[in-house]
Amino acid sequence: MKFTPLKINSFLAFKLPAAYLSGVRVKSIDKLECITSVKHRWINQNPFASIYFAVQAMAAELSTGALVMLHIKESGEKISMLVANQNGNYSKKATGRIKFKCEDSQKVLDAIALTKKTGEGVTFWMISEGRNLEGELVSTHQFEWRIKLVAK
């Protein structure tokens, strides 16, 4: 699969329907960064008229996970991936459209190189920041990814 926003969003509809139905979408992806987006709607709201924290976490995770998937595919290796841990900090009410951006590609590339070299599992942390349309920080998410070379 070529990694385009359209293809990843189609993948979401079938493999991660909760994220898709909540309105989480990939807006752009390249070798350096991934940007996802979610807009406040009735389906993803909390009782306080903002985006539910778990929906924000889904959008943030997708911005990190899509980069991991992209670099694994480009490596040509069979590598498994798993979220091992997650932290979230919510600093402002999430209303309107929130964009999540991850720029941690180098961490993925380093981890892939290490797991290829050692054959052992590697863990690394990636950060995704969510900002509203005014550019204000709404939430910050950290995901600990675990990757491992799959035996052939």
C-alpha atoms as a PDB file:
ATOM      1  CA  MET A   1       0.000   0.000   0.000  1.00  0.00           C
ATOM      2  CA  LYS A   2       1.324   3.433  -0.931  1.00  0.00           C
ATOM      3  CA  PHE A   3       1.048   5.747   2.045  1.00  0.00           C
ATOM      4  CA  THR A   4      -1.304   8.517   1.007  1.00  0.00           C
ATOM      5  CA  PRO A   5      -3.920  10.160   3.222  1.00  0.00           C
ATOM      6  CA  LEU A   6      -6.706   8.633   1.103  1.00  0.00           C
ATOM      7  CA  LYS A   7      -5.346   5.097   1.442  1.00  0.00           C
ATOM      8  CA  ILE A   8      -4.680   5.420   5.162  1.00  0.00           C
ATOM      9  CA  ASN A   9      -8.164   6.858   5.756  1.00  0.00           C
ATOM     10  CA  SER A  10      -9.670   3.946   3.783  1.00  0.00           C
ATOM     11  CA  PHE A  11      -7.612   1.579   5.945  1.00  0.00           C
ATOM     12  CA  LEU A  12      -9.082   3.300   9.027  1.00  0.00           C
ATOM     13  CA  ALA A  13     -12.639   2.684   7.871  1.00  0.00           C
ATOM     14  CA  PHE A  14     -12.047  -1.085   7.799  1.00  0.00           C
ATOM     15  CA  LYS A  15      -9.383  -1.688  10.465  1.00  0.00           C
ATOM     16  CA  LEU A  16     -10.013   1.100  13.004  1.00  0.00           C
ATOM     17  CA  PRO A  17     -13.706   1.930  12.623  1.00  0.00           C
ATOM     18  CA  ALA A  18     -13.972   3.678  16.008  1.00  0.00           C
ATOM     19  CA  ALA A  19     -11.392   6.249  14.893  1.00  0.00           C
ATOM     20  CA  TYR A  20     -12.996   6.620  11.468  1.00  0.00           C
ATOM     21  CA  LEU A  21     -16.522   7.079  12.849  1.00  0.00           C
ATOM     22  CA  SER A  22     -15.184   9.619  15.359  1.00  0.00           C
ATOM     23  CA  GLY A  23     -13.891  11.719  12.459  1.00  0.00           C
ATOM     24  CA  VAL A  24     -10.152  11.042  12.812  1.00  0.00           C
ATOM     25  CA  ARG A  25      -8.393  11.530   9.453  1.00  0.00           C
ATOM     26  CA  VAL A  26      -4.853  11.708   8.104  1.00  0.00           C
ATOM     27  CA  LYS A  27      -4.346  15.073   6.409  1.00  0.00           C
ATOM     28  CA  SER A  28      -0.742  14.637   5.249  1.00  0.00           C
ATOM     29  CA  ILE A  29       2.131  12.197   5.578  1.00  0.00           C
ATOM     30  CA  ASP A  30       5.672  12.138   4.272  1.00  0.00           C
ATOM     31  CA  LYS A  31       9.019  10.731   5.412  1.00  0.00           C
ATOM     32  CA  LEU A  32       9.414  13.439   8.051  1.00  0.00           C
ATOM     33  CA  GLU A  33       5.998  14.049   9.583  1.00  0.00           C
ATOM     34  CA  CYS A  34       2.369  13.046   9.785  1.00  0.00           C
ATOM     35  CA  ILE A  35      -0.571  15.350  10.452  1.00  0.00           C
ATOM     36  CA  THR A  36      -3.964  14.043  11.522  1.00  0.00           C
ATOM     37  CA  SER A  37      -7.119  15.966  12.243  1.00  0.00           C
ATOM     38  CA  VAL A  38     -10.398  15.624  14.098  1.00  0.00           C
ATOM     39  CA  LYS A  39     -13.284  18.086  14.323  1.00  0.00           C
ATOM     40  CA  HIS A  40     -15.580  18.463  17.320  1.00  0.00           C
ATOM     41  CA  ARG A  41     -18.915  16.829  16.481  1.00  0.00           C
ATOM     42  CA  TRP A  42     -21.777  15.246  18.362  1.00  0.00           C
ATOM     43  CA  ILE A  43     -20.355  11.713  17.901  1.00  0.00           C
ATOM     44  CA  ASN A  44     -16.990  12.526  19.535  1.00  0.00           C
ATOM     45  CA  GLN A  45     -17.973  14.980  22.263  1.00  0.00           C
ATOM     46  CA  ASN A  46     -17.747  14.740  26.016  1.00  0.00           C
ATOM     47  CA  PRO A  47     -20.341  16.212  28.435  1.00  0.00           C
ATOM     48  CA  PHE A  48     -18.348  19.470  28.536  1.00  0.00           C
ATOM     49  CA  ALA A  49     -18.919  20.349  24.845  1.00  0.00           C
ATOM     50  CA  SER A  50     -15.438  19.476  23.619  1.00  0.00           C
ATOM     51  CA  ILE A  51     -13.708  16.510  21.971  1.00  0.00           C
ATOM     52  CA  TYR A  52     -13.542  13.469  24.237  1.00  0.00           C
ATOM     53  CA  PHE A  53      -9.990  12.754  25.431  1.00  0.00           C
ATOM     54  CA  ALA A  54      -9.934   9.253  23.924  1.00  0.00           C
ATOM     55  CA  VAL A  55     -10.758  10.644  20.470  1.00  0.00           C
ATOM     56  CA  GLN A  56      -7.852  13.055  20.805  1.00  0.00           C
ATOM     57  CA  ALA A  57      -5.637  10.124  21.796  1.00  0.00           C
ATOM     58  CA  MET A  58      -6.761   8.176  18.698  1.00  0.00           C
ATOM     59  CA  ALA A  59      -5.866  11.073  16.418  1.00  0.00           C
ATOM     60  CA  ALA A  60      -2.524  11.553  18.145  1.00  0.00           C
ATOM     61  CA  GLU A  61      -1.708   7.840  18.021  1.00  0.00           C
ATOM     62  CA  LEU A  62      -2.487   7.717  14.320  1.00  0.00           C
ATOM     63  CA  SER A  63      -0.029  10.546  13.650  1.00  0.00           C
ATOM     64  CA  THR A  64       2.735   8.466  15.273  1.00  0.00           C
ATOM     65  CA  GLY A  65       1.625   5.029  14.109  1.00  0.00           C
ATOM     66  CA  ALA A  66       1.280   6.002  10.456  1.00  0.00           C
ATOM     67  CA  LEU A  67       4.926   7.127  10.498  1.00  0.00           C
ATOM     68  CA  VAL A  68       5.964   3.803  12.035  1.00  0.00           C
ATOM     69  CA  MET A  69       3.998   1.911   9.363  1.00  0.00           C
ATOM     70  CA  LEU A  70       5.481   4.041   6.565  1.00  0.00           C
ATOM     71  CA  HIS A  71       9.075   3.453   7.642  1.00  0.00           C
ATOM     72  CA  ILE A  72       8.542  -0.263   8.278  1.00  0.00           C
ATOM     73  CA  LYS A  73       7.147  -0.623   4.755  1.00  0.00           C
ATOM     74  CA  GLU A  74      10.051   1.324   3.271  1.00  0.00           C
ATOM     75  CA  SER A  75      12.555  -0.866   5.175  1.00  0.00           C
ATOM     76  CA  GLY A  76      11.395  -3.938   3.266  1.00  0.00           C
ATOM     77  CA  GLU A  77      11.560  -5.989   6.474  1.00  0.00           C
ATOM     78  CA  LYS A  78       8.826  -7.855   8.286  1.00  0.00           C
ATOM     79  CA  ILE A  79       8.570  -5.920  11.534  1.00  0.00           C
ATOM     80  CA  SER A  80       5.800  -6.053  14.118  1.00  0.00           C
ATOM     81  CA  MET A  81       4.657  -2.926  15.952  1.00  0.00           C
ATOM     82  CA  LEU A  82       2.750  -2.366  19.173  1.00  0.00           C
ATOM     83  CA  VAL A  83       1.900   0.546  21.467  1.00  0.00           C
ATOM     84  CA  ALA A  84       3.433  -0.360  24.826  1.00  0.00           C
ATOM     85  CA  ASN A  85       2.559   2.780  26.775  1.00  0.00           C
ATOM     86  CA  GLN A  86       0.789   6.132  26.385  1.00  0.00           C
ATOM     87  CA  ASN A  87       0.692   9.448  28.222  1.00  0.00           C
ATOM     88  CA  GLY A  88      -1.585  12.379  27.524  1.00  0.00           C
ATOM     89  CA  ASN A  89      -1.658  15.950  28.802  1.00  0.00           C
ATOM     90  CA  TYR A  90      -4.757  18.039  28.087  1.00  0.00           C
ATOM     91  CA  SER A  91      -4.124  21.764  28.443  1.00  0.00           C
ATOM     92  CA  LYS A  92      -7.072  23.452  26.702  1.00  0.00           C
ATOM     93  CA  LYS A  93     -10.645  22.618  25.765  1.00  0.00           C
ATOM     94  CA  ALA A  94     -10.663  20.870  22.368  1.00  0.00           C
ATOM     95  CA  THR A  95     -13.295  22.581  20.233  1.00  0.00           C
ATOM     96  CA  GLY A  96     -13.438  23.116  16.500  1.00  0.00           C
ATOM     97  CA  ARG A  97     -10.804  21.316  14.415  1.00  0.00           C
ATOM     98  CA  ILE A  98      -7.699  19.968  16.153  1.00  0.00           C
ATOM     99  CA  LYS A  99      -4.611  18.969  14.157  1.00  0.00           C
ATOM    100  CA  PHE A 100      -2.095  16.524  15.590  1.00  0.00           C
ATOM    101  CA  LYS A 101       1.456  16.607  14.301  1.00  0.00           C
ATOM    102  CA  CYS A 102       4.293  14.129  14.825  1.00  0.00           C
ATOM    103  CA  GLU A 103       7.794  14.820  13.519  1.00  0.00           C
ATOM    104  CA  ASP A 104       9.647  11.883  15.115  1.00  0.00           C
ATOM    105  CA  SER A 105      10.615   9.961  11.979  1.00  0.00           C
ATOM    106  CA  GLN A 106      14.283   9.764  12.949  1.00  0.00           C
ATOM    107  CA  LYS A 107      13.379   7.846  16.112  1.00  0.00           C
ATOM    108  CA  VAL A 108      11.560   5.272  13.969  1.00  0.00           C
ATOM    109  CA  LEU A 109      14.460   4.963  11.536  1.00  0.00           C
ATOM    110  CA  ASP A 110      16.948   4.505  14.391  1.00  0.00           C
ATOM    111  CA  ALA A 111      14.774   1.834  16.016  1.00  0.00           C
ATOM    112  CA  ILE A 112      14.340  -0.055  12.740  1.00  0.00           C
ATOM    113  CA  ALA A 113      18.110  -0.018  12.168  1.00  0.00           C
ATOM    114  CA  LEU A 114      18.678  -1.321  15.704  1.00  0.00           C
ATOM    115  CA  THR A 115      16.124  -4.133  15.513  1.00  0.00           C
ATOM    116  CA  LYS A 116      17.536  -5.187  12.121  1.00  0.00           C
ATOM    117  CA  LYS A 117      21.063  -5.211  13.572  1.00  0.00           C
ATOM    118  CA  THR A 118      20.288  -7.051  16.820  1.00  0.00           C
ATOM    119  CA  GLY A 119      17.137  -9.011  16.022  1.00  0.00           C
ATOM    120  CA  GLU A 120      15.817  -7.853  19.395  1.00  0.00           C
ATOM    121  CA  GLY A 121      12.755  -5.772  20.167  1.00  0.00           C
ATOM    122  CA  VAL A 122      13.259  -2.016  20.454  1.00  0.00           C
ATOM    123  CA  THR A 123      11.106   0.532  22.266  1.00  0.00           C
ATOM    124  CA  PHE A 124      11.038   4.265  21.621  1.00  0.00           C
ATOM    125  CA  TRP A 125       8.814   7.229  22.470  1.00  0.00           C
ATOM    126  CA  MET A 126       7.122   9.478  19.931  1.00  0.00           C
ATOM    127  CA  ILE A 127       5.334  12.771  20.612  1.00  0.00           C
ATOM    128  CA  SER A 128       2.263  14.222  18.930  1.00  0.00           C
ATOM    129  CA  GLU A 129       1.002  17.722  19.663  1.00  0.00           C
ATOM    130  CA  GLY A 130      -2.609  18.741  19.087  1.00  0.00           C
ATOM    131  CA  ARG A 131      -3.307  22.360  18.211  1.00  0.00           C
ATOM    132  CA  ASN A 132      -6.515  24.229  17.432  1.00  0.00           C
ATOM    133  CA  LEU A 133      -6.923  26.436  14.348  1.00  0.00           C
ATOM    134  CA  GLU A 134      -5.538  29.408  16.304  1.00  0.00           C
ATOM    135  CA  GLY A 135      -2.314  27.436  16.865  1.00  0.00           C
ATOM    136  CA  GLU A 136      -2.900  27.013  20.606  1.00  0.00           C
ATOM    137  CA  LEU A 137      -1.670  23.777  22.185  1.00  0.00           C
ATOM    138  CA  VAL A 138      -4.673  21.680  23.212  1.00  0.00           C
ATOM    139  CA  SER A 139      -3.033  18.369  24.118  1.00  0.00           C
ATOM    140  CA  THR A 140       0.287  16.572  24.005  1.00  0.00           C
ATOM    141  CA  HIS A 141       0.529  12.805  23.672  1.00  0.00           C
ATOM    142  CA  GLN A 142       3.473  10.473  24.076  1.00  0.00           C
ATOM    143  CA  PHE A 143       3.397   6.929  22.725  1.00  0.00           C
ATOM    144  CA  GLU A 144       5.920   4.236  23.511  1.00  0.00           C
ATOM    145  CA  TRP A 145       6.172   2.018  20.449  1.00  0.00           C
ATOM    146  CA  ARG A 146       7.704  -1.449  20.482  1.00  0.00           C
ATOM    147  CA  ILE A 147       8.957  -2.905  17.229  1.00  0.00           C
ATOM    148  CA  LYS A 148      10.577  -6.256  16.550  1.00  0.00           C
ATOM    149  CA  LEU A 149      11.922  -8.043  13.529  1.00  0.00           C
ATOM    150  CA  VAL A 150       9.612 -10.954  12.685  1.00  0.00           C
ATOM    151  CA  ALA A 151      11.393 -14.271  12.109  1.00  0.00           C
ATOM    152  CA  LYS A 152      11.310 -15.288   8.464  1.00  0.00           C
END
